[in-house]
Amino acid sequence: MKRISLLGLCPMLLSMAAWADIVNLTNQFGSVTVTNAGIDITRSELTGFGLNWRKAPPGHRLGSISFSTGALLSGTLFGGGTFSSNDSSFVATGLGKFGVPKGAIFSGSFAGPITWTLESHTGNNYVFFLSGNVEGTLYNGRQVVGGTEQTVYVNQNSWNQNHGGSLLSGRTGIGATPILWPEPDTLLLSTTGVAIMIAATWRRRRIRA
C-alpha cells in the first residue's frame, strides 16, 4: 500500500488554501482627489474579474471601481504616509457583460491603516503606491476580506489647482483569507513539498525494481 508523507503534503495544501476562492479584480484610469482629509478615486475602469479570469475585450470595460480613505494620520501628501480607514469605502460594480455580475461585485471598506508610499518623483511629477486591507460583502452575499494595491499619478501643478491626479493601475484580491497572491516563502514551501513527494515516490520505485 502506498503512503504519502504528510510532511510533503502540508506545504502544498497550505499553498492551495491560499489560492482558493480568491476573486481577483484589476482596474485602470480614473479620477483621483488627494487631500489631508483623505483620498477619493472615482470612475476607475474594471478591466479584469473573477476566479476564472475574465478580461475586458479591447475598447470595453467590465464595470468600475471607486473608493475613499479616511484622513491622513501620519507623514505628508507628497512624501508618503498613512491614511485612516475610518469613514472609508471600497466598491466594485459590474456592468453585467462578458460573464461579470451586474451591480455590486464587492461593497465594503478599508480595514486598518492605509499605506501611501512615494514611488518616484521627477520634477513636478509624482507616482504613489496605495495599499491596504479591505473587508465587506461579495456579490454572492459572502462576507470576505482581502487587499488592494493602487498606483496613482499626481502632477503638483495640477494638484495646486484642484488637488487632482489620475489612477494608473490597480489590483485587488478578495476571498476567505486576506491573501492576494502566495508570498515567496509559501511558494518555496509548496515547491519543497512537491519535490519531497516526487523524490520519495521515485526512491520507493527504484528499491522495488
C-alpha atoms as a PDB file:
ATOM      1  CA  MET A   1       0.000   0.000   0.000  1.00  0.00           C
ATOM      2  CA  LYS A   2       1.412   3.353  -0.990  1.00  0.00           C
ATOM      3  CA  ARG A   3       1.802   6.021   1.680  1.00  0.00           C
ATOM      4  CA  ILE A   4       2.203   9.730   1.038  1.00  0.00           C
ATOM      5  CA  SER A   5       4.231  11.771   3.509  1.00  0.00           C
ATOM      6  CA  LEU A   6       2.154  14.343   5.411  1.00  0.00           C
ATOM      7  CA  LEU A   7       5.285  16.450   5.628  1.00  0.00           C
ATOM      8  CA  GLY A   8       5.262  16.717   1.870  1.00  0.00           C
ATOM      9  CA  LEU A   9       1.522  17.294   1.623  1.00  0.00           C
ATOM     10  CA  CYS A  10       1.119  20.022   4.253  1.00  0.00           C
ATOM     11  CA  PRO A  11       3.058  22.815   2.484  1.00  0.00           C
ATOM     12  CA  MET A  12       1.225  22.106  -0.767  1.00  0.00           C
ATOM     13  CA  LEU A  13      -2.161  22.129   0.964  1.00  0.00           C
ATOM     14  CA  LEU A  14      -1.325  25.424   2.650  1.00  0.00           C
ATOM     15  CA  SER A  15      -0.451  26.911  -0.721  1.00  0.00           C
ATOM     16  CA  MET A  16      -3.687  25.585  -2.256  1.00  0.00           C
ATOM     17  CA  ALA A  17      -5.678  27.104   0.622  1.00  0.00           C
ATOM     18  CA  ALA A  18      -4.030  30.459  -0.017  1.00  0.00           C
ATOM     19  CA  TRP A  19      -5.145  30.330  -3.657  1.00  0.00           C
ATOM     20  CA  ALA A  20      -8.675  29.024  -3.019  1.00  0.00           C
ATOM     21  CA  ASP A  21     -11.726  31.194  -3.601  1.00  0.00           C
ATOM     22  CA  ILE A  22      -9.834  34.399  -4.333  1.00  0.00           C
ATOM     23  CA  VAL A  23     -11.740  36.834  -6.559  1.00  0.00           C
ATOM     24  CA  ASN A  24      -9.234  38.976  -8.428  1.00  0.00           C
ATOM     25  CA  LEU A  25     -10.043  42.446  -9.753  1.00  0.00           C
ATOM     26  CA  THR A  26      -7.877  44.725 -11.897  1.00  0.00           C
ATOM     27  CA  ASN A  27      -8.568  48.337 -12.796  1.00  0.00           C
ATOM     28  CA  GLN A  28      -7.045  51.325 -14.554  1.00  0.00           C
ATOM     29  CA  PHE A  29      -7.703  55.018 -15.186  1.00  0.00           C
ATOM     30  CA  GLY A  30      -9.999  57.098 -13.025  1.00  0.00           C
ATOM     31  CA  SER A  31     -10.027  60.478 -11.267  1.00  0.00           C
ATOM     32  CA  VAL A  32      -8.140  60.943  -8.002  1.00  0.00           C
ATOM     33  CA  THR A  33      -8.503  63.642  -5.342  1.00  0.00           C
ATOM     34  CA  VAL A  34      -5.757  63.788  -2.720  1.00  0.00           C
ATOM     35  CA  THR A  35      -6.109  65.970   0.403  1.00  0.00           C
ATOM     36  CA  ASN A  36      -5.320  65.723   4.105  1.00  0.00           C
ATOM     37  CA  ALA A  37      -8.973  64.736   4.588  1.00  0.00           C
ATOM     38  CA  GLY A  38      -8.442  61.583   2.506  1.00  0.00           C
ATOM     39  CA  ILE A  39      -8.024  60.095  -0.978  1.00  0.00           C
ATOM     40  CA  ASP A  40     -11.008  59.643  -3.295  1.00  0.00           C
ATOM     41  CA  ILE A  41     -10.892  57.644  -6.531  1.00  0.00           C
ATOM     42  CA  THR A  42     -13.858  57.525  -8.898  1.00  0.00           C
ATOM     43  CA  ARG A  43     -14.686  56.044 -12.311  1.00  0.00           C
ATOM     44  CA  SER A  44     -11.731  53.684 -12.453  1.00  0.00           C
ATOM     45  CA  GLU A  45     -12.431  51.103 -15.153  1.00  0.00           C
ATOM     46  CA  LEU A  46     -12.745  47.460 -14.109  1.00  0.00           C
ATOM     47  CA  THR A  47     -10.594  45.567 -16.623  1.00  0.00           C
ATOM     48  CA  GLY A  48     -10.369  42.068 -15.120  1.00  0.00           C
ATOM     49  CA  PHE A  49     -12.553  39.942 -12.863  1.00  0.00           C
ATOM     50  CA  GLY A  50     -13.065  36.565 -11.311  1.00  0.00           C
ATOM     51  CA  LEU A  51     -11.865  33.190 -10.178  1.00  0.00           C
ATOM     52  CA  ASN A  52     -11.825  32.038 -13.817  1.00  0.00           C
ATOM     53  CA  TRP A  53     -10.125  35.126 -15.138  1.00  0.00           C
ATOM     54  CA  ARG A  54     -12.196  37.394 -17.383  1.00  0.00           C
ATOM     55  CA  LYS A  55     -10.528  40.292 -19.134  1.00  0.00           C
ATOM     56  CA  ALA A  56     -12.362  43.154 -20.805  1.00  0.00           C
ATOM     57  CA  PRO A  57     -12.187  42.993 -24.631  1.00  0.00           C
ATOM     58  CA  PRO A  58     -10.340  45.898 -26.316  1.00  0.00           C
ATOM     59  CA  GLY A  59     -12.411  49.077 -26.159  1.00  0.00           C
ATOM     60  CA  HIS A  60     -14.696  47.712 -23.425  1.00  0.00           C
ATOM     61  CA  ARG A  61     -14.827  47.662 -19.643  1.00  0.00           C
ATOM     62  CA  LEU A  62     -16.379  45.235 -17.186  1.00  0.00           C
ATOM     63  CA  GLY A  63     -17.520  47.830 -14.672  1.00  0.00           C
ATOM     64  CA  SER A  64     -15.952  50.337 -12.320  1.00  0.00           C
ATOM     65  CA  ILE A  65     -14.151  50.687  -9.012  1.00  0.00           C
ATOM     66  CA  SER A  66     -14.338  53.609  -6.611  1.00  0.00           C
ATOM     67  CA  PHE A  67     -13.024  54.057  -3.108  1.00  0.00           C
ATOM     68  CA  SER A  68     -12.189  56.616  -0.454  1.00  0.00           C
ATOM     69  CA  THR A  69      -9.899  56.627   2.565  1.00  0.00           C
ATOM     70  CA  GLY A  70     -10.074  58.398   5.895  1.00  0.00           C
ATOM     71  CA  ALA A  71      -7.869  61.338   6.869  1.00  0.00           C
ATOM     72  CA  LEU A  72      -4.073  61.460   6.783  1.00  0.00           C
ATOM     73  CA  LEU A  73      -2.747  60.026  10.062  1.00  0.00           C
ATOM     74  CA  SER A  74       0.999  60.488   9.613  1.00  0.00           C
ATOM     75  CA  GLY A  75       3.534  61.692   7.058  1.00  0.00           C
ATOM     76  CA  THR A  76       2.775  64.113   4.238  1.00  0.00           C
ATOM     77  CA  LEU A  77       0.823  64.022   0.989  1.00  0.00           C
ATOM     78  CA  PHE A  78       3.918  64.350  -1.195  1.00  0.00           C
ATOM     79  CA  GLY A  79       6.358  62.433   0.972  1.00  0.00           C
ATOM     80  CA  GLY A  80       4.263  59.390   1.791  1.00  0.00           C
ATOM     81  CA  GLY A  81       2.430  58.439   4.940  1.00  0.00           C
ATOM     82  CA  THR A  82      -0.533  56.592   6.411  1.00  0.00           C
ATOM     83  CA  PHE A  83      -4.258  57.254   5.984  1.00  0.00           C
ATOM     84  CA  SER A  84      -7.055  56.193   8.316  1.00  0.00           C
ATOM     85  CA  SER A  85      -9.686  53.629   7.361  1.00  0.00           C
ATOM     86  CA  ASN A  86     -12.381  55.496   9.338  1.00  0.00           C
ATOM     87  CA  ASP A  87     -15.323  56.518   7.105  1.00  0.00           C
ATOM     88  CA  SER A  88     -13.664  54.755   4.169  1.00  0.00           C
ATOM     89  CA  SER A  89     -15.333  52.812   1.367  1.00  0.00           C
ATOM     90  CA  PHE A  90     -14.392  50.403  -1.408  1.00  0.00           C
ATOM     91  CA  VAL A  91     -16.936  49.456  -4.082  1.00  0.00           C
ATOM     92  CA  ALA A  92     -16.574  47.414  -7.281  1.00  0.00           C
ATOM     93  CA  THR A  93     -19.555  47.468  -9.673  1.00  0.00           C
ATOM     94  CA  GLY A  94     -20.145  45.208 -12.679  1.00  0.00           C
ATOM     95  CA  LEU A  95     -21.973  46.034 -15.913  1.00  0.00           C
ATOM     96  CA  GLY A  96     -23.446  42.555 -16.336  1.00  0.00           C
ATOM     97  CA  LYS A  97     -21.452  41.867 -19.513  1.00  0.00           C
ATOM     98  CA  PHE A  98     -18.829  39.282 -20.501  1.00  0.00           C
ATOM     99  CA  GLY A  99     -19.764  36.996 -17.618  1.00  0.00           C
ATOM    100  CA  VAL A 100     -19.434  39.646 -14.909  1.00  0.00           C
ATOM    101  CA  PRO A 101     -22.349  40.149 -12.449  1.00  0.00           C
ATOM    102  CA  LYS A 102     -24.443  43.284 -12.796  1.00  0.00           C
ATOM    103  CA  GLY A 103     -24.449  45.597  -9.808  1.00  0.00           C
ATOM    104  CA  ALA A 104     -22.218  45.488  -6.749  1.00  0.00           C
ATOM    105  CA  ILE A 105     -19.447  42.892  -7.102  1.00  0.00           C
ATOM    106  CA  PHE A 106     -17.928  43.939  -3.795  1.00  0.00           C
ATOM    107  CA  SER A 107     -19.127  46.524  -1.297  1.00  0.00           C
ATOM    108  CA  GLY A 108     -17.079  47.296   1.777  1.00  0.00           C
ATOM    109  CA  SER A 109     -14.394  49.477   3.293  1.00  0.00           C
ATOM    110  CA  PHE A 110     -10.741  49.557   4.240  1.00  0.00           C
ATOM    111  CA  ALA A 111      -9.707  47.707   7.391  1.00  0.00           C
ATOM    112  CA  GLY A 112      -6.745  49.137   9.281  1.00  0.00           C
ATOM    113  CA  PRO A 113      -4.234  51.798   8.214  1.00  0.00           C
ATOM    114  CA  ILE A 114      -3.748  52.541   4.516  1.00  0.00           C
ATOM    115  CA  THR A 115      -0.181  52.972   3.285  1.00  0.00           C
ATOM    116  CA  TRP A 116       0.655  55.848   0.925  1.00  0.00           C
ATOM    117  CA  THR A 117       4.190  55.383  -0.468  1.00  0.00           C
ATOM    118  CA  LEU A 118       6.135  57.699  -2.770  1.00  0.00           C
ATOM    119  CA  GLU A 119       7.445  55.509  -5.596  1.00  0.00           C
ATOM    120  CA  SER A 120       9.087  58.120  -7.828  1.00  0.00           C
ATOM    121  CA  HIS A 121       9.480  61.887  -8.119  1.00  0.00           C
ATOM    122  CA  THR A 122      10.655  63.663 -11.270  1.00  0.00           C
ATOM    123  CA  GLY A 123      10.200  67.435 -11.361  1.00  0.00           C
ATOM    124  CA  ASN A 124       6.535  68.107 -10.577  1.00  0.00           C
ATOM    125  CA  ASN A 125       5.513  64.530 -11.368  1.00  0.00           C
ATOM    126  CA  TYR A 126       4.869  62.103  -8.526  1.00  0.00           C
ATOM    127  CA  VAL A 127       3.925  58.422  -8.572  1.00  0.00           C
ATOM    128  CA  PHE A 128       2.466  56.935  -5.383  1.00  0.00           C
ATOM    129  CA  PHE A 129       1.625  53.405  -4.317  1.00  0.00           C
ATOM    130  CA  LEU A 130      -1.500  52.956  -2.155  1.00  0.00           C
ATOM    131  CA  SER A 131      -2.083  49.653  -0.373  1.00  0.00           C
ATOM    132  CA  GLY A 132      -4.375  48.363   2.341  1.00  0.00           C
ATOM    133  CA  ASN A 133      -6.691  45.610   3.529  1.00  0.00           C
ATOM    134  CA  VAL A 134     -10.397  45.638   2.668  1.00  0.00           C
ATOM    135  CA  GLU A 135     -13.439  43.855   4.078  1.00  0.00           C
ATOM    136  CA  GLY A 136     -17.089  43.661   3.075  1.00  0.00           C
ATOM    137  CA  THR A 137     -19.676  41.707   1.106  1.00  0.00           C
ATOM    138  CA  LEU A 138     -19.170  39.873  -2.172  1.00  0.00           C
ATOM    139  CA  TYR A 139     -21.850  39.701  -4.898  1.00  0.00           C
ATOM    140  CA  ASN A 140     -22.971  36.288  -3.626  1.00  0.00           C
ATOM    141  CA  GLY A 141     -23.628  37.615  -0.131  1.00  0.00           C
ATOM    142  CA  ARG A 142     -20.473  36.165   1.361  1.00  0.00           C
ATOM    143  CA  GLN A 143     -18.556  38.188   3.956  1.00  0.00           C
ATOM    144  CA  VAL A 144     -14.951  38.427   2.756  1.00  0.00           C
ATOM    145  CA  VAL A 145     -11.616  40.110   3.352  1.00  0.00           C
ATOM    146  CA  GLY A 146      -8.749  40.937   1.039  1.00  0.00           C
ATOM    147  CA  GLY A 147      -6.224  43.515  -0.043  1.00  0.00           C
ATOM    148  CA  THR A 148      -5.773  46.161  -2.708  1.00  0.00           C
ATOM    149  CA  GLU A 149      -2.815  47.862  -4.385  1.00  0.00           C
ATOM    150  CA  GLN A 150      -3.256  51.028  -6.464  1.00  0.00           C
ATOM    151  CA  THR A 151      -0.734  53.162  -8.380  1.00  0.00           C
ATOM    152  CA  VAL A 152      -1.550  56.883  -8.513  1.00  0.00           C
ATOM    153  CA  TYR A 153      -0.021  59.701 -10.581  1.00  0.00           C
ATOM    154  CA  VAL A 154      -0.067  63.315  -9.385  1.00  0.00           C
ATOM    155  CA  ASN A 155       1.307  66.422 -11.100  1.00  0.00           C
ATOM    156  CA  GLN A 156       1.925  69.095  -8.479  1.00  0.00           C
ATOM    157  CA  ASN A 157       0.961  71.972 -10.791  1.00  0.00           C
ATOM    158  CA  SER A 158      -2.435  70.382 -11.475  1.00  0.00           C
ATOM    159  CA  TRP A 159      -2.775  69.391  -7.820  1.00  0.00           C
ATOM    160  CA  ASN A 160      -2.346  73.048  -6.779  1.00  0.00           C
ATOM    161  CA  GLN A 161      -5.454  73.853  -8.827  1.00  0.00           C
ATOM    162  CA  ASN A 162      -7.853  71.066  -7.854  1.00  0.00           C
ATOM    163  CA  HIS A 163      -5.956  68.527  -5.674  1.00  0.00           C
ATOM    164  CA  GLY A 164      -6.430  66.076  -8.542  1.00  0.00           C
ATOM    165  CA  GLY A 165      -4.471  63.227 -10.052  1.00  0.00           C
ATOM    166  CA  SER A 166      -5.073  60.051 -12.016  1.00  0.00           C
ATOM    167  CA  LEU A 167      -5.024  56.332 -11.306  1.00  0.00           C
ATOM    168  CA  LEU A 168      -2.552  54.372 -13.423  1.00  0.00           C
ATOM    169  CA  SER A 169      -3.442  50.814 -12.414  1.00  0.00           C
ATOM    170  CA  GLY A 170      -4.740  48.722  -9.563  1.00  0.00           C
ATOM    171  CA  ARG A 171      -5.336  45.146  -8.443  1.00  0.00           C
ATOM    172  CA  THR A 172      -7.428  43.683  -5.657  1.00  0.00           C
ATOM    173  CA  GLY A 173      -7.771  40.174  -4.258  1.00  0.00           C
ATOM    174  CA  ILE A 174     -10.808  39.268  -2.154  1.00  0.00           C
ATOM    175  CA  GLY A 175     -11.645  35.941  -0.540  1.00  0.00           C
ATOM    176  CA  ALA A 176     -11.754  33.827   2.590  1.00  0.00           C
ATOM    177  CA  THR A 177      -8.275  34.946   3.610  1.00  0.00           C
ATOM    178  CA  PRO A 178      -6.546  38.302   3.059  1.00  0.00           C
ATOM    179  CA  ILE A 179      -4.102  36.849   0.549  1.00  0.00           C
ATOM    180  CA  LEU A 180      -3.699  38.359  -2.910  1.00  0.00           C
ATOM    181  CA  TRP A 181      -1.049  36.021  -4.263  1.00  0.00           C
ATOM    182  CA  PRO A 182       1.169  33.451  -2.488  1.00  0.00           C
ATOM    183  CA  GLU A 183       4.177  35.006  -0.786  1.00  0.00           C
ATOM    184  CA  PRO A 184       7.665  33.823  -1.867  1.00  0.00           C
ATOM    185  CA  ASP A 185       8.003  31.734   1.315  1.00  0.00           C
ATOM    186  CA  THR A 186       4.688  29.986   0.576  1.00  0.00           C
ATOM    187  CA  LEU A 187       5.769  29.208  -2.971  1.00  0.00           C
ATOM    188  CA  LEU A 188       9.073  27.834  -1.654  1.00  0.00           C
ATOM    189  CA  LEU A 189       7.260  25.594   0.841  1.00  0.00           C
ATOM    190  CA  SER A 190       4.922  24.361  -1.880  1.00  0.00           C
ATOM    191  CA  THR A 191       7.785  23.592  -4.247  1.00  0.00           C
ATOM    192  CA  THR A 192       9.697  21.829  -1.474  1.00  0.00           C
ATOM    193  CA  GLY A 193       6.660  19.716  -0.586  1.00  0.00           C
ATOM    194  CA  VAL A 194       6.130  18.606  -4.158  1.00  0.00           C
ATOM    195  CA  ALA A 195       9.842  17.821  -4.539  1.00  0.00           C
ATOM    196  CA  ILE A 196       9.791  15.665  -1.379  1.00  0.00           C
ATOM    197  CA  MET A 197       6.780  13.714  -2.647  1.00  0.00           C
ATOM    198  CA  ILE A 198       8.334  13.090  -6.073  1.00  0.00           C
ATOM    199  CA  ALA A 199      11.695  12.069  -4.583  1.00  0.00           C
ATOM    200  CA  ALA A 200      10.065   9.667  -2.099  1.00  0.00           C
ATOM    201  CA  THR A 201       7.959   8.034  -4.807  1.00  0.00           C
ATOM    202  CA  TRP A 202      10.943   7.655  -7.162  1.00  0.00           C
ATOM    203  CA  ARG A 203      13.081   6.134  -4.378  1.00  0.00           C
ATOM    204  CA  ARG A 204      10.432   3.550  -3.452  1.00  0.00           C
ATOM    205  CA  ARG A 205      10.020   2.516  -7.079  1.00  0.00           C
ATOM    206  CA  ARG A 206      13.803   2.208  -7.514  1.00  0.00           C
ATOM    207  CA  ILE A 207      14.133  -0.012  -4.402  1.00  0.00           C
ATOM    208  CA  ARG A 208      11.319  -2.290  -5.575  1.00  0.00           C
ATOM    209  CA  ALA A 209      12.709  -2.584  -9.104  1.00  0.00           C
END
